[in-house]
Protein backbone atom coordinates (compact mmCIF):
# COMPACT_ATOMS: atom_id res chain seq x y z
CA UNK A 1 32.14 81.74 11.44
CA UNK A 2 29.11 81.15 13.65
CA UNK A 3 31.06 82.84 16.44
CA UNK A 4 30.38 86.13 14.64
CA UNK A 5 26.68 85.71 15.40
CA UNK A 6 27.51 86.06 19.09
CA UNK A 7 28.90 89.55 18.55
CA UNK A 8 26.53 92.50 18.75
CA UNK A 9 28.68 94.59 16.42
CA UNK A 10 32.32 94.63 15.35
CA UNK A 11 34.34 97.43 13.77
CA UNK A 12 37.92 97.56 12.50
CA UNK A 13 40.56 100.24 12.95
CA UNK A 14 44.12 100.07 11.63
CA UNK A 15 45.74 101.86 14.57
CA UNK A 16 45.21 103.31 18.03
CA UNK A 17 46.28 106.69 16.71
CA UNK A 18 43.36 106.75 14.26
CA UNK A 19 40.96 105.69 16.99
CA UNK A 20 42.02 108.66 19.10
CA UNK A 21 41.98 111.03 16.13
CA UNK A 22 38.55 110.05 14.82
CA UNK A 23 36.94 109.77 18.26
CA UNK A 24 37.33 113.54 18.61
CA UNK A 25 35.33 114.04 15.40
CA UNK A 26 32.61 111.46 16.06
CA UNK A 27 29.00 112.66 16.08
CA UNK A 28 25.66 111.06 15.12
CA UNK A 29 24.54 111.12 11.49
CA UNK A 30 21.81 113.62 10.73
CA UNK A 31 19.22 112.30 8.31
CA UNK A 32 19.08 115.56 6.40
CA UNK A 33 22.82 115.47 5.64
CA UNK A 34 23.09 112.52 3.26
CA UNK A 35 24.54 112.37 -0.27
CA UNK A 36 24.58 109.40 -2.65
CA UNK A 37 25.90 108.04 -5.94
CA UNK A 38 23.86 105.23 -7.51
CA UNK A 39 24.89 103.13 -10.51
CA UNK A 40 27.25 105.68 -12.10
CA UNK A 41 28.39 103.17 -14.75
CA UNK A 42 24.76 102.68 -15.82
CA UNK A 43 24.98 98.89 -16.03
CA UNK A 44 23.56 97.86 -12.64
CA UNK A 45 19.88 98.24 -13.45
CA UNK A 46 18.76 95.76 -10.79
CA UNK A 47 20.69 97.67 -8.14
CA UNK A 48 19.19 100.93 -9.35
CA UNK A 49 15.69 99.45 -9.25
CA UNK A 50 16.20 98.15 -5.70
CA UNK A 51 17.97 101.12 -4.15
CA UNK A 52 16.52 103.92 -6.27
CA UNK A 53 13.13 104.16 -4.51
CA UNK A 54 14.78 104.22 -1.08
CA UNK A 55 17.25 106.95 -2.02
CA UNK A 56 14.56 108.95 -3.81
CA UNK A 57 12.37 108.61 -0.72
CA UNK A 58 15.20 110.05 1.37
CA UNK A 59 15.53 112.92 -1.10
CA UNK A 60 11.81 113.68 -0.80
CA UNK A 61 11.55 113.29 2.97
CA UNK A 62 14.90 114.56 4.20
CA UNK A 63 16.33 116.51 1.28
CA UNK A 64 19.06 114.06 0.31
CA UNK A 65 21.07 114.99 -2.76
CA UNK A 66 22.49 112.47 -5.22
CA UNK A 67 23.45 111.34 -8.70
CA UNK A 68 21.84 108.37 -10.45
CA UNK A 69 22.93 106.56 -13.61
CA UNK A 70 25.61 108.99 -14.75
CA UNK A 71 29.31 109.61 -14.24
CA UNK A 72 29.79 112.36 -11.64
CA UNK A 73 32.15 115.28 -11.61
CA UNK A 74 34.99 114.49 -9.14
CA UNK A 75 34.75 117.92 -7.55
CA UNK A 76 31.07 117.36 -6.87
CA UNK A 77 31.81 114.06 -5.14
CA UNK A 78 34.51 115.73 -3.10
CA UNK A 79 32.00 118.35 -2.01
CA UNK A 80 29.57 115.56 -1.11
CA UNK A 81 32.13 114.10 1.29
CA UNK A 82 32.79 117.51 2.81
CA UNK A 83 29.17 118.64 3.17
CA UNK A 84 27.44 115.43 4.24
CA UNK A 85 27.34 113.39 7.42
CA UNK A 86 26.94 110.26 5.29
CA UNK A 87 27.86 109.34 1.72
CA UNK A 88 26.22 106.29 0.10
CA UNK A 89 27.88 104.66 -2.91
CA UNK A 90 26.11 101.90 -4.87
CA UNK A 91 28.16 100.79 -7.86
CA UNK A 92 31.25 98.88 -8.91
CA UNK A 93 34.15 98.67 -6.47
CA UNK A 94 34.80 101.48 -4.03
CA UNK A 95 33.97 104.27 -6.45
CA UNK A 96 37.64 105.11 -6.83
CA UNK A 97 37.12 105.36 -10.59
CA UNK A 98 35.18 108.57 -9.88
CA UNK A 99 37.12 109.94 -6.90
CA UNK A 100 40.65 108.65 -6.35
CA UNK A 101 41.79 107.80 -2.83
CA UNK A 102 44.35 110.62 -2.98
CA UNK A 103 41.49 113.09 -3.38
CA UNK A 104 39.76 111.52 -0.39
CA UNK A 105 42.93 111.79 1.71
CA UNK A 106 43.15 115.48 0.85
CA UNK A 107 39.97 116.10 2.87
CA UNK A 108 42.11 115.98 6.05
CA UNK A 109 39.79 115.07 8.93
CA UNK A 110 36.66 116.43 7.22
CA UNK A 111 35.42 113.31 5.43
CA UNK A 112 31.89 112.05 5.98
CA UNK A 113 30.96 108.53 7.01
CA UNK A 114 30.45 106.24 4.01
CA UNK A 115 28.51 103.18 2.93
CA UNK A 116 30.47 101.68 0.02
CA UNK A 117 28.09 99.07 -1.40
CA UNK A 118 30.44 97.79 -4.11
CA UNK A 119 32.44 94.61 -4.69
CA UNK A 120 35.78 94.53 -2.84
CA UNK A 121 35.34 98.14 -1.73
CA UNK A 122 37.03 97.25 1.55
CA UNK A 123 39.81 95.09 0.15
CA UNK A 124 43.31 96.03 1.25
CA UNK A 125 46.36 95.63 -0.96
CA UNK A 126 49.77 94.54 0.26
CA UNK A 127 52.60 96.96 -0.46
CA UNK A 128 55.71 94.87 0.17
CA UNK A 129 57.42 95.91 3.40
CA UNK A 130 54.95 98.74 3.88
CA UNK A 131 51.55 98.58 5.50
CA UNK A 132 48.46 97.67 3.47
CA UNK A 133 46.61 100.29 1.46
CA UNK A 134 43.11 100.62 0.08
CA UNK A 135 40.38 103.11 -0.67
CA UNK A 136 38.61 102.31 2.60
CA UNK A 137 41.69 103.30 4.60
CA UNK A 138 41.80 106.61 2.75
CA UNK A 139 38.32 107.39 4.08
CA UNK A 140 39.29 106.47 7.65
CA UNK A 141 42.53 108.45 7.50
CA UNK A 142 40.61 111.45 6.13
CA UNK A 143 38.47 111.49 9.27
CA UNK A 144 35.52 109.33 8.23
CA UNK A 145 34.00 108.09 11.52
CA UNK A 146 32.81 104.83 9.97
CA UNK A 147 32.89 103.07 6.60
CA UNK A 148 30.87 100.03 5.60
CA UNK A 149 32.64 98.16 2.80
CA UNK A 150 33.02 94.74 1.16
CA UNK A 151 36.14 92.62 1.65
CA UNK A 152 35.66 90.63 -1.56
CA UNK A 153 33.44 90.31 -4.64
CA UNK A 154 29.78 89.59 -3.94
CA UNK A 155 26.66 88.82 -5.98
CA UNK A 156 24.41 91.74 -6.89
CA UNK A 157 21.16 90.32 -5.52
CA UNK A 158 22.50 89.52 -2.06
CA UNK A 159 24.35 92.78 -1.62
CA UNK A 160 21.35 94.79 -2.85
CA UNK A 161 19.16 93.09 -0.25
CA UNK A 162 21.76 93.74 2.44
CA UNK A 163 22.00 97.40 1.39
CA UNK A 164 18.24 97.84 1.59
CA UNK A 165 18.10 96.18 5.01
CA UNK A 166 20.88 98.35 6.46
CA UNK A 167 19.36 101.57 5.13
CA UNK A 168 15.87 100.72 6.37
CA UNK A 169 16.86 99.52 9.83
CA UNK A 170 19.67 101.95 10.59
CA UNK A 171 19.27 105.18 8.66
CA UNK A 172 15.51 105.28 8.06
CA UNK A 173 14.10 103.51 11.12
CA UNK A 174 11.35 105.44 12.92
CA UNK A 175 11.71 103.30 16.04
CA UNK A 176 13.04 105.75 18.63
CA UNK A 177 13.79 102.85 20.98
CA UNK A 178 16.15 101.31 18.41
CA UNK A 179 19.51 102.88 19.17
CA UNK A 180 21.76 100.38 17.42
CA UNK A 181 25.00 101.40 15.77
CA UNK A 182 25.80 100.82 12.11
CA UNK A 183 27.92 97.78 13.02
CA UNK A 184 25.12 96.29 15.12
CA UNK A 185 22.57 96.72 12.34
CA UNK A 186 24.99 95.21 9.83
CA UNK A 187 25.43 92.19 12.07
CA UNK A 188 21.69 91.54 12.24
CA UNK A 189 21.18 92.26 8.51
CA UNK A 190 23.53 89.62 7.13
CA UNK A 191 20.79 87.00 7.40
CA UNK A 192 18.91 88.49 4.42
CA UNK A 193 21.65 87.19 2.12
CA UNK A 194 21.02 83.82 0.51
CA UNK A 195 24.74 83.16 0.92
CA UNK A 196 25.08 84.52 4.45
CA UNK A 197 28.75 83.72 4.90
CA UNK A 198 30.04 84.12 1.36
CA UNK A 199 28.24 87.40 0.72
CA UNK A 200 26.87 88.61 4.06
CA UNK A 201 30.18 88.40 5.86
CA UNK A 202 31.98 90.21 3.05
CA UNK A 203 30.45 93.37 4.52
CA UNK A 204 32.42 94.87 7.41
CA UNK A 205 32.63 98.17 9.25
CA UNK A 206 35.83 100.16 9.56
CA UNK A 207 35.96 102.98 12.08
CA UNK A 208 34.00 103.61 15.26
CA UNK A 209 30.44 102.75 16.35
CA UNK A 210 28.23 105.17 14.42
CA UNK A 211 24.67 106.13 15.31
CA UNK A 212 21.87 108.09 13.66
CA UNK A 213 20.66 111.23 15.40
CA UNK A 214 17.09 110.75 16.53
CA UNK A 215 14.80 113.55 15.42
């Protein structure tokens, strides 16, 4: 897997049709248009302690809106995906327990980009003779320009460190000369994981190269 270190940033797309469709909708993420859901099950205290200060800092500085430590109303999450440029999920799985993939698909080309920092949030399921399915594909098919997700289960500590690194170096960086995409920042952030290949390379980007609008 060392060959991956030679790549500056890799994204995945299930079809050329989706590339063409989502390319028409692609625009940089504005820092004042971010929504988040942190530890909705209430049992990931370490994750909440690590990510909480960063998300709260974004709320103070840029006006981010989010929910911490409580189960959200599905309609509110749906509105998050419609109103935001970026949705950040930090919890178990893909968050489908709180907003089913069918609800995401109903957004029809209006879905925000998403960072799904949960175990197996990017895992695809085989459906016999049909193509694979998964929550991450629902986001892409609903118009999400990019989705960061995990292909398999990961340890909390490593993925928390990776999450912090990605947020700090991509979304919150004040370096105006740093114009890296989400996929490029993810590639350089995997090294913070103690288990770089087992945990770091579980994180992948679906969609198109996504950038943050420089203020």
